[in-house]
């Protein structure tokens, strides 16, 4: 019960952070969006750069029930890259989010 409440609070906080990230990106404030992404990743206990270099199984093992939150952050980062005009980077992040989601479901 406590873990579920904890995760629900994290989801709510992350939703607010993602809204802020997407708002900054749509306004062309990419450095601000990047800083907010880094803070959001830090809230999950990982650095964004680490998530991008680790394999999906390792990320899922480190995050456990928080894996879906990581997926949402990758999707937000993809939107930032799309707003920046970096379509290939955005597509790669979307693909990573999809594979991480699938890996997380298989791990549960």
C-alpha atoms as a PDB file:
ATOM      1  CA  UNK A   1       0.000   0.000   0.000  1.00  0.00           C
ATOM      2  CA  UNK A   2       2.759   2.466   0.911  1.00  0.00           C
ATOM      3  CA  UNK A   3       4.725   1.626  -2.213  1.00  0.00           C
ATOM      4  CA  UNK A   4       1.642   2.200  -4.371  1.00  0.00           C
ATOM      5  CA  UNK A   5       1.048   5.588  -2.701  1.00  0.00           C
ATOM      6  CA  UNK A   6       4.700   6.454  -3.231  1.00  0.00           C
ATOM      7  CA  UNK A   7       4.523   5.541  -6.921  1.00  0.00           C
ATOM      8  CA  UNK A   8       1.267   7.476  -7.347  1.00  0.00           C
ATOM      9  CA  UNK A   9       2.905  10.588  -5.845  1.00  0.00           C
ATOM     10  CA  UNK A  10       5.867  10.134  -8.160  1.00  0.00           C
ATOM     11  CA  UNK A  11       3.526   9.848 -11.160  1.00  0.00           C
ATOM     12  CA  UNK A  12       1.806  13.098 -10.176  1.00  0.00           C
ATOM     13  CA  UNK A  13       5.119  14.887  -9.705  1.00  0.00           C
ATOM     14  CA  UNK A  14       6.431  13.520 -12.968  1.00  0.00           C
ATOM     15  CA  UNK A  15       3.307  14.626 -14.835  1.00  0.00           C
ATOM     16  CA  UNK A  16       3.922  18.175 -13.631  1.00  0.00           C
ATOM     17  CA  UNK A  17       7.591  17.983 -14.577  1.00  0.00           C
ATOM     18  CA  UNK A  18       6.752  16.663 -18.046  1.00  0.00           C
ATOM     19  CA  UNK A  19       4.255  19.484 -18.587  1.00  0.00           C
ATOM     20  CA  UNK A  20       6.987  21.966 -17.659  1.00  0.00           C
ATOM     21  CA  UNK A  21       9.502  20.234 -19.936  1.00  0.00           C
ATOM     22  CA  UNK A  22       7.139  20.205 -22.900  1.00  0.00           C
ATOM     23  CA  UNK A  23       6.168  23.834 -22.295  1.00  0.00           C
ATOM     24  CA  UNK A  24       9.805  24.897 -22.278  1.00  0.00           C
ATOM     25  CA  UNK A  25      10.510  22.901 -25.435  1.00  0.00           C
ATOM     26  CA  UNK A  26       7.527  24.307 -27.315  1.00  0.00           C
ATOM     27  CA  UNK A  27       8.713  27.816 -26.378  1.00  0.00           C
ATOM     28  CA  UNK A  28      12.191  27.018 -27.719  1.00  0.00           C
ATOM     29  CA  UNK A  29      13.788  27.025 -24.255  1.00  0.00           C
ATOM     30  CA  UNK A  30      15.716  23.813 -24.849  1.00  0.00           C
ATOM     31  CA  UNK A  31      18.364  24.331 -22.171  1.00  0.00           C
ATOM     32  CA  UNK A  32      15.606  24.768 -19.584  1.00  0.00           C
ATOM     33  CA  UNK A  33      13.872  21.631 -20.856  1.00  0.00           C
ATOM     34  CA  UNK A  34      17.160  19.713 -20.619  1.00  0.00           C
ATOM     35  CA  UNK A  35      17.738  20.883 -17.028  1.00  0.00           C
ATOM     36  CA  UNK A  36      14.188  19.873 -16.105  1.00  0.00           C
ATOM     37  CA  UNK A  37      14.711  16.472 -17.726  1.00  0.00           C
ATOM     38  CA  UNK A  38      17.885  15.992 -15.706  1.00  0.00           C
ATOM     39  CA  UNK A  39      16.057  16.914 -12.484  1.00  0.00           C
ATOM     40  CA  UNK A  40      13.220  14.509 -13.297  1.00  0.00           C
ATOM     41  CA  UNK A  41      15.670  11.673 -13.977  1.00  0.00           C
ATOM     42  CA  UNK A  42      17.452  12.479 -10.751  1.00  0.00           C
ATOM     43  CA  UNK A  43      14.119  12.117  -8.950  1.00  0.00           C
ATOM     44  CA  UNK A  44      14.014   8.536 -10.214  1.00  0.00           C
ATOM     45  CA  UNK A  45      17.505   7.934  -8.883  1.00  0.00           C
ATOM     46  CA  UNK A  46      19.296   7.839 -12.230  1.00  0.00           C
ATOM     47  CA  UNK A  47      21.059  10.248 -14.523  1.00  0.00           C
ATOM     48  CA  UNK A  48      19.642  10.672 -17.998  1.00  0.00           C
ATOM     49  CA  UNK A  49      23.008   9.858 -19.562  1.00  0.00           C
ATOM     50  CA  UNK A  50      23.165   6.594 -17.609  1.00  0.00           C
ATOM     51  CA  UNK A  51      19.731   5.526 -18.814  1.00  0.00           C
ATOM     52  CA  UNK A  52      20.783   6.151 -22.398  1.00  0.00           C
ATOM     53  CA  UNK A  53      23.916   4.014 -22.094  1.00  0.00           C
ATOM     54  CA  UNK A  54      22.505   1.133 -20.034  1.00  0.00           C
ATOM     55  CA  UNK A  55      20.627  -1.771 -21.588  1.00  0.00           C
ATOM     56  CA  UNK A  56      16.886  -2.155 -21.000  1.00  0.00           C
ATOM     57  CA  UNK A  57      17.203  -5.102 -18.608  1.00  0.00           C
ATOM     58  CA  UNK A  58      19.576  -3.140 -16.377  1.00  0.00           C
ATOM     59  CA  UNK A  59      17.352  -0.046 -16.381  1.00  0.00           C
ATOM     60  CA  UNK A  60      14.335  -2.192 -15.464  1.00  0.00           C
ATOM     61  CA  UNK A  61      16.301  -3.920 -12.700  1.00  0.00           C
ATOM     62  CA  UNK A  62      17.405  -0.573 -11.271  1.00  0.00           C
ATOM     63  CA  UNK A  63      13.983   1.065 -11.491  1.00  0.00           C
ATOM     64  CA  UNK A  64      11.608  -1.815 -10.847  1.00  0.00           C
ATOM     65  CA  UNK A  65       8.089  -0.402 -10.513  1.00  0.00           C
ATOM     66  CA  UNK A  66       9.348   3.011 -11.666  1.00  0.00           C
ATOM     67  CA  UNK A  67      10.210   1.742 -15.157  1.00  0.00           C
ATOM     68  CA  UNK A  68       7.024   3.199 -16.654  1.00  0.00           C
ATOM     69  CA  UNK A  69       8.053   6.599 -15.302  1.00  0.00           C
ATOM     70  CA  UNK A  70      11.339   6.262 -17.165  1.00  0.00           C
ATOM     71  CA  UNK A  71       9.391   5.440 -20.322  1.00  0.00           C
ATOM     72  CA  UNK A  72       7.391   8.653 -19.908  1.00  0.00           C
ATOM     73  CA  UNK A  73      10.570  10.667 -19.470  1.00  0.00           C
ATOM     74  CA  UNK A  74      12.066   9.153 -22.611  1.00  0.00           C
ATOM     75  CA  UNK A  75       8.884  10.088 -24.475  1.00  0.00           C
ATOM     76  CA  UNK A  76       9.130  13.640 -23.125  1.00  0.00           C
ATOM     77  CA  UNK A  77      12.764  13.813 -24.168  1.00  0.00           C
ATOM     78  CA  UNK A  78      11.710  12.609 -27.609  1.00  0.00           C
ATOM     79  CA  UNK A  79       9.244  15.502 -27.792  1.00  0.00           C
ATOM     80  CA  UNK A  80      12.004  17.942 -26.839  1.00  0.00           C
ATOM     81  CA  UNK A  81      14.193  16.599 -29.639  1.00  0.00           C
ATOM     82  CA  UNK A  82      11.284  16.789 -32.074  1.00  0.00           C
ATOM     83  CA  UNK A  83      10.674  20.443 -31.123  1.00  0.00           C
ATOM     84  CA  UNK A  84      14.385  21.098 -31.636  1.00  0.00           C
ATOM     85  CA  UNK A  85      14.126  19.617 -35.125  1.00  0.00           C
ATOM     86  CA  UNK A  86      16.246  16.561 -34.320  1.00  0.00           C
ATOM     87  CA  UNK A  87      13.896  13.997 -35.824  1.00  0.00           C
ATOM     88  CA  UNK A  88      16.348  11.091 -35.830  1.00  0.00           C
ATOM     89  CA  UNK A  89      17.173  11.584 -32.155  1.00  0.00           C
ATOM     90  CA  UNK A  90      13.442  11.870 -31.385  1.00  0.00           C
ATOM     91  CA  UNK A  91      12.712   8.636 -33.252  1.00  0.00           C
ATOM     92  CA  UNK A  92      15.539   6.818 -31.449  1.00  0.00           C
ATOM     93  CA  UNK A  93      14.194   7.967 -28.068  1.00  0.00           C
ATOM     94  CA  UNK A  94      10.660   6.864 -28.960  1.00  0.00           C
ATOM     95  CA  UNK A  95      11.977   3.463 -30.025  1.00  0.00           C
ATOM     96  CA  UNK A  96      13.947   3.168 -26.771  1.00  0.00           C
ATOM     97  CA  UNK A  97      10.831   4.066 -24.779  1.00  0.00           C
ATOM     98  CA  UNK A  98       8.861   1.342 -26.554  1.00  0.00           C
ATOM     99  CA  UNK A  99      11.490  -1.341 -25.974  1.00  0.00           C
ATOM    100  CA  UNK A 100      11.947  -0.288 -22.344  1.00  0.00           C
ATOM    101  CA  UNK A 101       8.180  -0.498 -21.820  1.00  0.00           C
ATOM    102  CA  UNK A 102       8.099  -3.990 -23.353  1.00  0.00           C
ATOM    103  CA  UNK A 103      11.096  -5.110 -21.289  1.00  0.00           C
ATOM    104  CA  UNK A 104       9.509  -3.729 -18.127  1.00  0.00           C
ATOM    105  CA  UNK A 105       6.285  -5.627 -18.778  1.00  0.00           C
ATOM    106  CA  UNK A 106       8.175  -8.864 -19.314  1.00  0.00           C
ATOM    107  CA  UNK A 107      10.107  -8.297 -16.078  1.00  0.00           C
ATOM    108  CA  UNK A 108       6.984  -7.768 -13.949  1.00  0.00           C
END
